[in-house]
């Protein structure tokens, strides 16, 4: 839209209320409800990752709620409720829904393990849920920052934020950093692969996965 046309546009305050305002409000309400349900799913995923549930389900035969509770050292009732919620969400499959609740067996649906249980996969995103949960815990501090004009320091977000960031970066650093990303800099890559040994300074390396990726990709470098 050009400037002349926009100059003749009515302001939001002067626009007449459209006849389909209830429909508009319904769409907004439906969007917000879907976002709220998605937020709850994120929190349950963060919890499952913290408790090791996804890894246990990926590495074994289908598990019952008592079986998952025993393997993870958690309470059977909560293990059952988590499994039931994940089945409703669609991440788990119930093999025998006609059985009593504690006798039902659950397994991951296809593709779920690569996203939520295998930290070596480029599709691994389970730490993202933990990261968002860590960010949400700082809402009171963020509110105060909005009022005061200050900020929320990175240290305030805690180990979950730092470790989830490292876990999210890990697959890329180990599988793509040397072979793919630095391939965009052929002269640099050639130097890193040649003698005499190149020296690398990795500043702000977090948990160290970038250093490990560089060391694996360029064994002659120091």
N, C-alpha and C. Protein backbone atom coordinates (compact mmCIF):
# COMPACT_ATOMS: atom_id res chain seq x y z
N UNK A 1 0.85 -1.19 0.00
CA UNK A 1 0.00 0.00 0.00
C UNK A 1 0.89 1.24 0.00
N UNK A 2 0.60 2.22 -0.94
CA UNK A 2 1.46 3.40 -0.99
C UNK A 2 1.05 4.42 0.07
N UNK A 3 1.89 5.46 0.22
CA UNK A 3 1.66 6.44 1.28
C UNK A 3 0.37 7.19 1.07
N UNK A 4 0.05 7.51 -0.21
CA UNK A 4 -1.17 8.27 -0.48
C UNK A 4 -2.40 7.47 -0.10
N UNK A 5 -2.40 6.19 -0.46
CA UNK A 5 -3.54 5.36 -0.13
C UNK A 5 -3.69 5.19 1.37
N UNK A 6 -2.53 4.98 2.07
CA UNK A 6 -2.60 4.77 3.50
C UNK A 6 -3.06 6.02 4.22
N UNK A 7 -2.83 7.21 3.64
CA UNK A 7 -3.24 8.44 4.29
C UNK A 7 -4.75 8.55 4.39
N UNK A 8 -5.44 7.86 3.48
CA UNK A 8 -6.90 7.94 3.47
C UNK A 8 -7.53 6.78 4.22
N UNK A 9 -6.69 5.87 4.77
CA UNK A 9 -7.22 4.75 5.53
C UNK A 9 -7.79 5.26 6.84
N UNK A 10 -8.96 4.80 7.27
CA UNK A 10 -9.49 5.22 8.58
C UNK A 10 -8.65 4.61 9.69
N UNK A 11 -8.54 5.34 10.79
CA UNK A 11 -7.82 4.80 11.93
C UNK A 11 -8.62 3.69 12.57
N UNK A 12 -7.93 2.91 13.43
CA UNK A 12 -8.62 1.80 14.09
C UNK A 12 -9.79 2.30 14.92
N UNK A 13 -9.60 3.49 15.56
CA UNK A 13 -10.67 4.02 16.42
C UNK A 13 -11.88 4.46 15.62
N UNK A 14 -11.65 4.90 14.33
CA UNK A 14 -12.76 5.43 13.55
C UNK A 14 -13.44 4.38 12.69
N UNK A 15 -12.84 3.21 12.60
CA UNK A 15 -13.44 2.18 11.75
C UNK A 15 -14.75 1.69 12.37
N UNK A 16 -15.77 1.47 11.55
CA UNK A 16 -17.01 0.90 12.09
C UNK A 16 -16.78 -0.54 12.53
N UNK A 17 -17.50 -0.96 13.54
CA UNK A 17 -17.38 -2.34 14.02
C UNK A 17 -17.96 -3.26 12.95
N UNK A 18 -17.19 -4.23 12.46
CA UNK A 18 -17.71 -5.10 11.41
C UNK A 18 -18.85 -5.96 11.93
N UNK A 19 -19.73 -6.32 10.99
CA UNK A 19 -20.88 -7.13 11.39
C UNK A 19 -20.45 -8.50 11.90
N UNK A 20 -19.28 -8.99 11.46
CA UNK A 20 -18.85 -10.32 11.87
C UNK A 20 -17.90 -10.27 13.05
N UNK A 21 -18.03 -9.24 13.89
CA UNK A 21 -17.16 -9.12 15.05
C UNK A 21 -17.20 -10.37 15.94
N UNK A 22 -18.38 -10.95 16.21
CA UNK A 22 -18.38 -12.18 17.01
C UNK A 22 -17.55 -13.29 16.38
N UNK A 23 -17.59 -13.41 15.06
CA UNK A 23 -16.79 -14.43 14.38
C UNK A 23 -15.31 -14.14 14.54
N UNK A 24 -14.93 -12.85 14.45
CA UNK A 24 -13.53 -12.47 14.65
C UNK A 24 -13.08 -12.83 16.06
N UNK A 25 -13.92 -12.51 17.05
CA UNK A 25 -13.58 -12.82 18.43
C UNK A 25 -13.49 -14.34 18.63
N UNK A 26 -14.35 -15.07 17.98
CA UNK A 26 -14.29 -16.52 18.08
C UNK A 26 -12.99 -17.09 17.53
N UNK A 27 -12.52 -16.50 16.43
CA UNK A 27 -11.26 -16.96 15.84
C UNK A 27 -10.10 -16.69 16.78
N UNK A 28 -10.10 -15.49 17.39
CA UNK A 28 -9.03 -15.16 18.33
C UNK A 28 -9.08 -16.09 19.54
N UNK A 29 -10.29 -16.34 20.05
CA UNK A 29 -10.43 -17.22 21.20
C UNK A 29 -9.97 -18.63 20.87
N UNK A 30 -10.31 -19.12 19.67
CA UNK A 30 -9.89 -20.46 19.27
C UNK A 30 -8.37 -20.53 19.15
N UNK A 31 -7.77 -19.47 18.58
CA UNK A 31 -6.31 -19.43 18.49
C UNK A 31 -5.67 -19.48 19.87
N UNK A 32 -6.19 -18.68 20.79
CA UNK A 32 -5.61 -18.62 22.13
C UNK A 32 -5.77 -19.96 22.85
N UNK A 33 -6.91 -20.60 22.70
CA UNK A 33 -7.12 -21.89 23.34
C UNK A 33 -6.16 -22.93 22.77
N UNK A 34 -5.96 -22.93 21.45
CA UNK A 34 -5.02 -23.87 20.84
C UNK A 34 -3.60 -23.60 21.32
N UNK A 35 -3.24 -22.32 21.45
CA UNK A 35 -1.91 -21.97 21.94
C UNK A 35 -1.74 -22.42 23.39
N UNK A 36 -2.79 -22.29 24.20
CA UNK A 36 -2.71 -22.72 25.59
C UNK A 36 -2.51 -24.22 25.69
N UNK A 37 -3.23 -24.98 24.86
CA UNK A 37 -3.07 -26.43 24.87
C UNK A 37 -1.65 -26.80 24.41
N UNK A 38 -1.15 -26.09 23.40
CA UNK A 38 0.22 -26.34 22.96
C UNK A 38 1.23 -26.02 24.04
N UNK A 39 0.97 -24.97 24.82
CA UNK A 39 1.87 -24.62 25.91
C UNK A 39 1.90 -25.73 26.96
N UNK A 40 0.73 -26.26 27.29
CA UNK A 40 0.69 -27.37 28.24
C UNK A 40 1.43 -28.59 27.70
N UNK A 41 1.29 -28.86 26.40
CA UNK A 41 2.05 -29.96 25.80
C UNK A 41 3.55 -29.73 25.94
N UNK A 42 3.99 -28.50 25.73
CA UNK A 42 5.41 -28.18 25.87
C UNK A 42 5.90 -28.47 27.28
N UNK A 43 5.11 -28.08 28.28
CA UNK A 43 5.51 -28.31 29.67
C UNK A 43 5.56 -29.79 30.00
N UNK A 44 4.62 -30.57 29.47
CA UNK A 44 4.63 -32.02 29.73
C UNK A 44 5.82 -32.67 29.02
N UNK A 45 6.17 -32.19 27.84
CA UNK A 45 7.35 -32.70 27.15
C UNK A 45 8.61 -32.37 27.94
N UNK A 46 8.69 -31.15 28.47
CA UNK A 46 9.85 -30.78 29.29
C UNK A 46 9.97 -31.69 30.49
N UNK A 47 8.85 -32.00 31.11
CA UNK A 47 8.86 -32.88 32.27
C UNK A 47 9.30 -34.29 31.88
N UNK A 48 8.77 -34.79 30.78
CA UNK A 48 9.15 -36.13 30.33
C UNK A 48 10.61 -36.24 29.99
N UNK A 49 11.16 -35.16 29.41
CA UNK A 49 12.59 -35.19 29.09
C UNK A 49 13.42 -35.17 30.36
N UNK A 50 13.03 -34.35 31.32
CA UNK A 50 13.77 -34.27 32.58
C UNK A 50 13.76 -35.61 33.32
N UNK A 51 12.65 -36.32 33.24
CA UNK A 51 12.52 -37.59 33.95
C UNK A 51 13.09 -38.77 33.18
N UNK A 52 13.50 -38.55 31.93
CA UNK A 52 14.07 -39.63 31.13
C UNK A 52 13.04 -40.55 30.52
N UNK A 53 11.78 -40.15 30.50
CA UNK A 53 10.72 -41.03 30.00
C UNK A 53 10.89 -41.36 28.52
N UNK A 54 11.23 -40.37 27.71
CA UNK A 54 11.33 -40.62 26.27
C UNK A 54 12.46 -41.60 25.96
N UNK A 55 13.59 -41.42 26.61
CA UNK A 55 14.71 -42.33 26.37
C UNK A 55 14.36 -43.75 26.79
N UNK A 56 13.65 -43.89 27.90
CA UNK A 56 13.25 -45.23 28.34
C UNK A 56 12.28 -45.87 27.36
N UNK A 57 11.35 -45.11 26.86
CA UNK A 57 10.38 -45.65 25.90
C UNK A 57 11.03 -45.97 24.56
N UNK A 58 12.06 -45.23 24.21
CA UNK A 58 12.74 -45.47 22.93
C UNK A 58 13.65 -46.67 22.99
N UNK A 59 14.16 -47.00 24.16
CA UNK A 59 15.17 -48.04 24.25
C UNK A 59 14.69 -49.38 24.72
N UNK A 60 13.39 -49.55 24.91
CA UNK A 60 12.86 -50.80 25.44
C UNK A 60 11.63 -51.24 24.67
N UNK A 61 11.13 -52.42 25.07
CA UNK A 61 9.82 -52.85 24.59
C UNK A 61 8.77 -51.90 25.15
N UNK A 62 7.55 -51.92 24.60
CA UNK A 62 6.50 -51.07 25.14
C UNK A 62 6.38 -51.24 26.65
N UNK A 63 6.11 -50.15 27.33
CA UNK A 63 6.09 -50.14 28.79
C UNK A 63 4.70 -49.86 29.33
N UNK A 64 4.36 -50.51 30.43
CA UNK A 64 3.17 -50.18 31.20
C UNK A 64 3.50 -49.03 32.14
N UNK A 65 2.50 -48.38 32.71
CA UNK A 65 2.80 -47.33 33.70
C UNK A 65 3.68 -47.82 34.86
N UNK A 66 3.38 -48.98 35.48
CA UNK A 66 4.29 -49.45 36.53
C UNK A 66 5.69 -49.74 36.01
N UNK A 67 5.78 -50.23 34.77
CA UNK A 67 7.10 -50.50 34.21
C UNK A 67 7.90 -49.24 34.00
N UNK A 68 7.26 -48.19 33.50
CA UNK A 68 7.95 -46.91 33.31
C UNK A 68 8.33 -46.31 34.65
N UNK A 69 7.44 -46.42 35.63
CA UNK A 69 7.73 -45.89 36.95
C UNK A 69 8.93 -46.58 37.58
N UNK A 70 8.99 -47.89 37.46
CA UNK A 70 10.11 -48.64 38.02
C UNK A 70 11.41 -48.28 37.32
N UNK A 71 11.39 -48.22 36.00
CA UNK A 71 12.61 -47.93 35.24
C UNK A 71 13.13 -46.53 35.49
N UNK A 72 12.23 -45.59 35.79
CA UNK A 72 12.63 -44.19 35.95
C UNK A 72 12.74 -43.75 37.40
N UNK A 73 12.28 -44.59 38.32
CA UNK A 73 12.31 -44.21 39.72
C UNK A 73 11.29 -43.13 40.06
N UNK A 74 10.13 -43.19 39.41
CA UNK A 74 9.08 -42.21 39.66
C UNK A 74 7.83 -42.91 40.18
N UNK A 75 6.85 -42.12 40.60
CA UNK A 75 5.63 -42.66 41.18
C UNK A 75 4.73 -43.24 40.08
N UNK A 76 4.17 -44.45 40.27
CA UNK A 76 3.35 -45.09 39.23
C UNK A 76 2.16 -44.24 38.80
N UNK A 77 1.50 -43.58 39.75
CA UNK A 77 0.32 -42.79 39.38
C UNK A 77 0.69 -41.69 38.41
N UNK A 78 1.79 -40.98 38.68
CA UNK A 78 2.19 -39.89 37.80
C UNK A 78 2.70 -40.41 36.47
N UNK A 79 3.39 -41.54 36.49
CA UNK A 79 3.83 -42.14 35.23
C UNK A 79 2.62 -42.47 34.36
N UNK A 80 1.56 -43.02 34.97
CA UNK A 80 0.36 -43.35 34.19
C UNK A 80 -0.29 -42.10 33.61
N UNK A 81 -0.41 -41.06 34.42
CA UNK A 81 -1.06 -39.85 33.93
C UNK A 81 -0.24 -39.19 32.81
N UNK A 82 1.08 -39.25 32.93
CA UNK A 82 1.93 -38.70 31.87
C UNK A 82 1.75 -39.50 30.58
N UNK A 83 1.75 -40.83 30.69
CA UNK A 83 1.56 -41.68 29.51
C UNK A 83 0.21 -41.42 28.86
N UNK A 84 -0.83 -41.29 29.65
CA UNK A 84 -2.16 -41.06 29.10
C UNK A 84 -2.23 -39.71 28.38
N UNK A 85 -1.62 -38.68 28.98
CA UNK A 85 -1.63 -37.37 28.33
C UNK A 85 -0.88 -37.40 27.01
N UNK A 86 0.26 -38.09 26.99
CA UNK A 86 1.05 -38.16 25.77
C UNK A 86 0.36 -38.97 24.68
N UNK A 87 -0.44 -39.96 25.09
CA UNK A 87 -1.22 -40.71 24.12
C UNK A 87 -2.32 -39.85 23.50
N UNK A 88 -2.98 -39.03 24.34
CA UNK A 88 -4.01 -38.13 23.83
C UNK A 88 -3.39 -37.10 22.89
N UNK A 89 -2.20 -36.61 23.25
CA UNK A 89 -1.51 -35.64 22.39
C UNK A 89 -1.13 -36.24 21.05
N UNK A 90 -0.88 -37.55 21.02
CA UNK A 90 -0.53 -38.22 19.77
C UNK A 90 0.92 -38.61 19.66
N UNK A 91 1.70 -38.42 20.73
CA UNK A 91 3.11 -38.79 20.69
C UNK A 91 3.34 -40.25 21.05
N UNK A 92 2.40 -40.84 21.78
CA UNK A 92 2.49 -42.24 22.16
C UNK A 92 1.32 -43.02 21.58
N UNK A 93 1.54 -44.32 21.44
CA UNK A 93 0.50 -45.23 20.97
C UNK A 93 0.17 -46.22 22.09
N UNK A 94 -1.11 -46.44 22.33
CA UNK A 94 -1.56 -47.43 23.32
C UNK A 94 -1.80 -48.74 22.57
N UNK A 95 -1.08 -49.77 22.97
CA UNK A 95 -1.18 -51.03 22.23
C UNK A 95 -2.43 -51.82 22.61
N UNK A 96 -2.87 -51.70 23.84
CA UNK A 96 -4.02 -52.49 24.30
C UNK A 96 -4.94 -51.62 25.15
N UNK A 97 -5.68 -50.72 24.52
CA UNK A 97 -6.52 -49.78 25.29
C UNK A 97 -7.62 -50.46 26.07
N UNK A 98 -7.98 -51.71 25.74
CA UNK A 98 -9.03 -52.40 26.47
C UNK A 98 -8.59 -52.94 27.81
N UNK A 99 -7.30 -52.94 28.09
CA UNK A 99 -6.80 -53.44 29.37
C UNK A 99 -7.06 -52.43 30.49
N UNK A 100 -6.88 -52.89 31.72
CA UNK A 100 -6.94 -51.99 32.86
C UNK A 100 -5.84 -50.94 32.71
N UNK A 101 -6.05 -49.74 33.27
CA UNK A 101 -5.09 -48.64 33.06
C UNK A 101 -3.63 -49.02 33.33
N UNK A 102 -3.36 -49.73 34.40
CA UNK A 102 -1.97 -50.04 34.73
C UNK A 102 -1.41 -51.18 33.90
N UNK A 103 -2.27 -51.87 33.14
CA UNK A 103 -1.79 -52.97 32.30
C UNK A 103 -1.60 -52.56 30.85
N UNK A 104 -2.00 -51.35 30.50
CA UNK A 104 -1.86 -50.90 29.12
C UNK A 104 -0.39 -50.64 28.80
N UNK A 105 0.00 -51.00 27.59
CA UNK A 105 1.38 -50.80 27.16
C UNK A 105 1.45 -49.63 26.18
N UNK A 106 2.50 -48.85 26.33
CA UNK A 106 2.69 -47.64 25.52
C UNK A 106 4.02 -47.71 24.80
N UNK A 107 4.03 -47.12 23.60
CA UNK A 107 5.29 -46.98 22.86
C UNK A 107 5.25 -45.67 22.08
N UNK A 108 6.43 -45.19 21.71
CA UNK A 108 6.52 -43.97 20.92
C UNK A 108 5.99 -44.20 19.52
N UNK A 109 5.30 -43.22 18.99
CA UNK A 109 4.88 -43.30 17.59
C UNK A 109 6.09 -43.06 16.68
N UNK A 110 6.00 -43.51 15.42
CA UNK A 110 7.13 -43.33 14.51
C UNK A 110 7.55 -41.87 14.39
N UNK A 111 8.86 -41.64 14.42
CA UNK A 111 9.41 -40.30 14.29
C UNK A 111 9.58 -39.55 15.59
N UNK A 112 8.94 -40.01 16.66
CA UNK A 112 9.02 -39.29 17.93
C UNK A 112 10.39 -39.44 18.56
N UNK A 113 10.97 -40.64 18.49
CA UNK A 113 12.27 -40.87 19.13
C UNK A 113 13.34 -39.96 18.56
N UNK A 114 13.31 -39.73 17.25
CA UNK A 114 14.33 -38.89 16.62
C UNK A 114 14.24 -37.43 17.08
N UNK A 115 13.07 -37.01 17.51
CA UNK A 115 12.87 -35.63 17.94
C UNK A 115 13.01 -35.47 19.45
N UNK A 116 12.61 -36.49 20.22
CA UNK A 116 12.53 -36.34 21.66
C UNK A 116 13.43 -37.26 22.47
N UNK A 117 14.10 -38.22 21.82
CA UNK A 117 14.85 -39.19 22.61
C UNK A 117 16.28 -39.42 22.15
N UNK A 118 16.66 -38.95 20.97
CA UNK A 118 17.99 -39.25 20.44
C UNK A 118 18.79 -37.96 20.29
N UNK A 119 19.68 -37.66 21.25
CA UNK A 119 20.42 -36.38 21.21
C UNK A 119 21.41 -36.27 20.06
N UNK A 120 21.64 -37.36 19.33
CA UNK A 120 22.56 -37.30 18.21
C UNK A 120 21.91 -36.91 16.90
N UNK A 121 20.59 -36.87 16.86
CA UNK A 121 19.89 -36.57 15.62
C UNK A 121 19.79 -35.06 15.39
N UNK A 122 19.87 -34.66 14.14
CA UNK A 122 19.72 -33.24 13.81
C UNK A 122 18.30 -32.75 14.07
N UNK A 123 17.35 -33.68 14.18
CA UNK A 123 15.97 -33.32 14.46
C UNK A 123 15.67 -33.28 15.96
N UNK A 124 16.67 -33.47 16.80
CA UNK A 124 16.46 -33.54 18.25
C UNK A 124 16.07 -32.17 18.79
N UNK A 125 14.85 -32.07 19.33
CA UNK A 125 14.33 -30.79 19.82
C UNK A 125 13.78 -30.86 21.24
N UNK A 126 13.94 -31.99 21.90
CA UNK A 126 13.41 -32.10 23.27
C UNK A 126 13.91 -30.98 24.17
N UNK A 127 15.19 -30.57 24.10
CA UNK A 127 15.64 -29.49 24.99
C UNK A 127 14.91 -28.17 24.76
N UNK A 128 14.30 -27.99 23.60
CA UNK A 128 13.58 -26.74 23.35
C UNK A 128 12.44 -26.56 24.34
N UNK A 129 11.75 -27.66 24.69
CA UNK A 129 10.67 -27.56 25.66
C UNK A 129 11.21 -27.15 27.02
N UNK A 130 12.35 -27.72 27.41
CA UNK A 130 12.96 -27.36 28.69
C UNK A 130 13.41 -25.91 28.67
N UNK A 131 13.89 -25.44 27.54
CA UNK A 131 14.35 -24.06 27.41
C UNK A 131 13.18 -23.08 27.57
N UNK A 132 12.06 -23.39 26.94
CA UNK A 132 10.89 -22.53 27.06
C UNK A 132 10.35 -22.51 28.49
N UNK A 133 10.39 -23.66 29.15
CA UNK A 133 9.96 -23.71 30.55
C UNK A 133 10.87 -22.85 31.42
N UNK A 134 12.17 -22.88 31.14
CA UNK A 134 13.12 -22.05 31.90
C UNK A 134 12.85 -20.57 31.66
N UNK A 135 12.52 -20.22 30.44
CA UNK A 135 12.22 -18.82 30.14
C UNK A 135 10.95 -18.37 30.85
N UNK A 136 9.94 -19.24 30.90
CA UNK A 136 8.67 -18.87 31.52
C UNK A 136 8.83 -18.60 33.01
N UNK A 137 9.78 -19.28 33.64
CA UNK A 137 9.99 -19.06 35.07
C UNK A 137 10.47 -17.65 35.38
N UNK A 138 10.95 -16.93 34.37
CA UNK A 138 11.45 -15.58 34.60
C UNK A 138 10.44 -14.49 34.29
N UNK A 139 9.17 -14.86 34.09
CA UNK A 139 8.16 -13.85 33.78
C UNK A 139 8.06 -12.77 34.87
N UNK A 140 8.09 -13.11 36.15
CA UNK A 140 8.05 -12.02 37.15
C UNK A 140 9.24 -11.07 37.02
N UNK A 141 10.43 -11.61 36.79
CA UNK A 141 11.60 -10.74 36.62
C UNK A 141 11.49 -9.92 35.34
N UNK A 142 10.92 -10.51 34.30
CA UNK A 142 10.75 -9.77 33.05
C UNK A 142 9.72 -8.66 33.21
N UNK A 143 8.67 -8.93 33.96
CA UNK A 143 7.68 -7.88 34.24
C UNK A 143 8.35 -6.70 34.94
N UNK A 144 9.20 -7.00 35.92
CA UNK A 144 9.88 -5.92 36.63
C UNK A 144 10.81 -5.16 35.70
N UNK A 145 11.46 -5.88 34.77
CA UNK A 145 12.34 -5.22 33.80
C UNK A 145 11.55 -4.27 32.90
N UNK A 146 10.36 -4.67 32.51
CA UNK A 146 9.52 -3.79 31.70
C UNK A 146 9.17 -2.51 32.46
N UNK A 147 8.94 -2.65 33.76
CA UNK A 147 8.55 -1.48 34.56
C UNK A 147 9.73 -0.57 34.86
N UNK A 148 10.90 -1.17 35.05
CA UNK A 148 12.05 -0.38 35.48
C UNK A 148 12.98 0.02 34.34
N UNK A 149 12.87 -0.67 33.20
CA UNK A 149 13.80 -0.43 32.10
C UNK A 149 15.09 -1.19 32.25
N UNK A 150 15.16 -2.08 33.23
CA UNK A 150 16.37 -2.89 33.44
C UNK A 150 16.37 -4.12 32.55
N UNK A 151 16.93 -5.19 33.06
CA UNK A 151 17.02 -6.41 32.26
C UNK A 151 17.03 -7.63 33.16
N UNK A 152 17.05 -8.79 32.51
CA UNK A 152 17.14 -10.07 33.22
C UNK A 152 18.45 -10.73 32.78
N UNK A 153 19.41 -10.90 33.69
CA UNK A 153 20.70 -11.47 33.29
C UNK A 153 20.57 -12.92 32.88
N UNK A 154 21.45 -13.32 31.98
CA UNK A 154 21.45 -14.71 31.50
C UNK A 154 21.59 -15.69 32.66
N UNK A 155 22.38 -15.34 33.66
CA UNK A 155 22.61 -16.25 34.80
C UNK A 155 21.32 -16.54 35.55
N UNK A 156 20.35 -15.63 35.49
CA UNK A 156 19.11 -15.83 36.23
C UNK A 156 18.28 -16.98 35.68
N UNK A 157 18.51 -17.35 34.43
CA UNK A 157 17.69 -18.39 33.82
C UNK A 157 18.07 -19.80 34.27
N UNK A 158 19.24 -19.95 34.88
CA UNK A 158 19.58 -21.21 35.51
C UNK A 158 20.12 -22.28 34.58
N UNK A 159 20.37 -23.44 35.18
CA UNK A 159 21.01 -24.55 34.47
C UNK A 159 20.14 -25.07 33.33
N UNK A 160 18.82 -25.10 33.51
CA UNK A 160 17.96 -25.62 32.45
C UNK A 160 18.14 -24.84 31.16
N UNK A 161 18.24 -23.53 31.25
CA UNK A 161 18.42 -22.71 30.05
C UNK A 161 19.79 -22.97 29.42
N UNK A 162 20.83 -22.94 30.23
CA UNK A 162 22.19 -23.13 29.68
C UNK A 162 22.35 -24.52 29.08
N UNK A 163 21.90 -25.53 29.81
CA UNK A 163 22.11 -26.91 29.35
C UNK A 163 21.23 -27.23 28.15
N UNK A 164 20.01 -26.70 28.12
CA UNK A 164 19.16 -26.96 26.97
C UNK A 164 19.72 -26.30 25.72
N UNK A 165 20.29 -25.11 25.86
CA UNK A 165 20.92 -24.46 24.72
C UNK A 165 22.07 -25.31 24.19
N UNK A 166 22.88 -25.83 25.10
CA UNK A 166 24.00 -26.69 24.68
C UNK A 166 23.49 -27.97 24.02
N UNK A 167 22.45 -28.56 24.60
CA UNK A 167 21.91 -29.81 24.04
C UNK A 167 21.31 -29.59 22.66
N UNK A 168 20.69 -28.44 22.45
CA UNK A 168 20.13 -28.15 21.13
C UNK A 168 21.23 -27.96 20.08
N UNK A 169 22.34 -27.35 20.50
CA UNK A 169 23.43 -27.10 19.56
C UNK A 169 24.29 -28.33 19.28
N UNK A 170 24.26 -29.28 20.18
CA UNK A 170 25.16 -30.43 20.09
C UNK A 170 25.13 -31.15 18.74
N UNK A 171 23.95 -31.57 18.20
CA UNK A 171 23.97 -32.30 16.93
C UNK A 171 24.61 -31.51 15.79
N UNK A 172 24.32 -30.22 15.72
CA UNK A 172 24.90 -29.41 14.66
C UNK A 172 26.40 -29.28 14.80
N UNK A 173 26.87 -29.05 16.02
CA UNK A 173 28.31 -28.91 16.23
C UNK A 173 29.05 -30.21 15.91
N UNK A 174 28.48 -31.34 16.29
CA UNK A 174 29.17 -32.61 16.08
C UNK A 174 29.05 -33.14 14.65
N UNK A 175 27.98 -32.81 13.97
CA UNK A 175 27.73 -33.41 12.66
C UNK A 175 27.88 -32.45 11.50
N UNK A 176 27.76 -31.14 11.75
CA UNK A 176 27.74 -30.18 10.65
C UNK A 176 28.84 -29.13 10.70
N UNK A 177 29.35 -28.82 11.88
CA UNK A 177 30.26 -27.69 12.02
C UNK A 177 31.47 -27.82 11.12
N UNK A 178 32.18 -28.94 11.21
CA UNK A 178 33.41 -29.11 10.44
C UNK A 178 33.12 -29.44 8.97
N UNK A 179 32.23 -30.38 8.74
CA UNK A 179 32.04 -30.86 7.38
C UNK A 179 31.19 -29.98 6.50
N UNK A 180 30.21 -29.28 7.08
CA UNK A 180 29.26 -28.51 6.27
C UNK A 180 29.40 -27.00 6.46
N UNK A 181 29.32 -26.54 7.70
CA UNK A 181 29.31 -25.10 7.93
C UNK A 181 30.63 -24.45 7.53
N UNK A 182 31.74 -25.04 7.96
CA UNK A 182 33.04 -24.46 7.62
C UNK A 182 33.44 -24.75 6.18
N UNK A 183 32.71 -25.64 5.51
CA UNK A 183 32.96 -25.86 4.08
C UNK A 183 32.63 -24.61 3.28
N UNK A 184 31.83 -23.72 3.85
CA UNK A 184 31.53 -22.45 3.18
C UNK A 184 32.73 -21.52 3.19
N UNK A 185 33.78 -21.87 3.95
CA UNK A 185 35.02 -21.10 4.01
C UNK A 185 36.17 -22.02 3.59
N UNK A 186 36.28 -22.33 2.30
CA UNK A 186 37.23 -23.35 1.86
C UNK A 186 38.67 -23.04 2.24
N UNK A 187 39.08 -21.79 2.21
CA UNK A 187 40.46 -21.47 2.56
C UNK A 187 40.72 -21.75 4.04
N UNK A 188 39.77 -21.40 4.88
CA UNK A 188 39.90 -21.68 6.31
C UNK A 188 39.91 -23.18 6.55
N UNK A 189 39.02 -23.89 5.89
CA UNK A 189 38.95 -25.33 6.08
C UNK A 189 40.26 -26.01 5.65
N UNK A 190 40.82 -25.56 4.54
CA UNK A 190 42.07 -26.13 4.06
C UNK A 190 43.20 -25.88 5.06
N UNK A 191 43.21 -24.69 5.64
CA UNK A 191 44.25 -24.39 6.63
C UNK A 191 44.10 -25.27 7.86
N UNK A 192 42.87 -25.50 8.30
CA UNK A 192 42.63 -26.31 9.48
C UNK A 192 43.02 -27.77 9.26
N UNK A 193 43.04 -28.20 8.00
CA UNK A 193 43.36 -29.60 7.69
C UNK A 193 44.82 -29.79 7.31
N UNK A 194 45.60 -28.73 7.35
CA UNK A 194 46.97 -28.80 6.85
C UNK A 194 47.97 -28.63 7.98
N UNK A 195 49.18 -29.09 7.71
CA UNK A 195 50.32 -28.84 8.61
C UNK A 195 51.03 -27.58 8.13
N UNK A 196 51.69 -26.83 9.04
CA UNK A 196 51.74 -27.07 10.49
C UNK A 196 50.39 -26.85 11.15
N UNK A 197 50.23 -27.37 12.36
CA UNK A 197 48.95 -27.34 13.05
C UNK A 197 48.41 -25.93 13.20
N UNK A 198 47.15 -25.77 12.80
CA UNK A 198 46.46 -24.51 13.04
C UNK A 198 46.01 -24.46 14.50
N UNK A 199 45.91 -23.26 15.03
CA UNK A 199 45.44 -23.09 16.40
C UNK A 199 44.06 -22.45 16.38
N UNK A 200 43.14 -23.01 17.16
CA UNK A 200 41.76 -22.53 17.20
C UNK A 200 41.46 -22.03 18.60
N UNK A 201 40.89 -20.84 18.69
CA UNK A 201 40.39 -20.33 19.96
C UNK A 201 38.87 -20.30 19.86
N UNK A 202 38.21 -21.12 20.64
CA UNK A 202 36.74 -21.18 20.65
C UNK A 202 36.26 -20.38 21.85
N UNK A 203 35.78 -19.17 21.61
CA UNK A 203 35.42 -18.25 22.68
C UNK A 203 33.93 -18.42 23.03
N UNK A 204 33.65 -18.56 24.32
CA UNK A 204 32.26 -18.73 24.74
C UNK A 204 31.71 -20.06 24.26
N UNK A 205 32.45 -21.14 24.51
CA UNK A 205 32.12 -22.43 23.90
C UNK A 205 31.05 -23.20 24.66
N UNK A 206 30.46 -22.61 25.72
CA UNK A 206 29.35 -23.28 26.40
C UNK A 206 29.76 -24.60 27.00
N UNK A 207 29.03 -25.65 26.67
CA UNK A 207 29.32 -26.98 27.22
C UNK A 207 30.48 -27.67 26.50
N UNK A 208 30.99 -27.07 25.45
CA UNK A 208 32.17 -27.62 24.79
C UNK A 208 31.91 -28.45 23.56
N UNK A 209 30.66 -28.58 23.13
CA UNK A 209 30.39 -29.43 21.96
C UNK A 209 31.01 -28.86 20.69
N UNK A 210 31.12 -27.54 20.59
CA UNK A 210 31.76 -26.96 19.40
C UNK A 210 33.24 -27.32 19.38
N UNK A 211 33.89 -27.30 20.54
CA UNK A 211 35.30 -27.70 20.60
C UNK A 211 35.48 -29.15 20.18
N UNK A 212 34.58 -30.00 20.66
CA UNK A 212 34.66 -31.43 20.32
C UNK A 212 34.44 -31.61 18.82
N UNK A 213 33.46 -30.90 18.26
CA UNK A 213 33.21 -31.00 16.83
C UNK A 213 34.39 -30.54 16.01
N UNK A 214 35.06 -29.47 16.43
CA UNK A 214 36.24 -28.99 15.72
C UNK A 214 37.40 -29.97 15.85
N UNK A 215 37.56 -30.53 17.03
CA UNK A 215 38.65 -31.48 17.25
C UNK A 215 38.46 -32.74 16.41
N UNK A 216 37.23 -33.21 16.31
CA UNK A 216 36.97 -34.39 15.49
C UNK A 216 37.14 -34.10 14.01
N UNK A 217 36.71 -32.92 13.59
CA UNK A 217 36.76 -32.60 12.17
C UNK A 217 38.13 -32.22 11.67
N UNK A 218 38.97 -31.70 12.59
CA UNK A 218 40.30 -31.24 12.19
C UNK A 218 41.36 -31.77 13.17
N UNK A 219 41.69 -33.05 13.04
CA UNK A 219 42.59 -33.67 14.02
C UNK A 219 43.99 -33.07 14.03
N UNK A 220 44.40 -32.36 12.98
CA UNK A 220 45.73 -31.74 12.97
C UNK A 220 45.74 -30.41 13.74
N UNK A 221 44.58 -29.85 13.96
CA UNK A 221 44.51 -28.55 14.62
C UNK A 221 44.68 -28.70 16.13
N UNK A 222 45.03 -27.60 16.75
CA UNK A 222 45.20 -27.57 18.21
C UNK A 222 44.23 -26.55 18.79
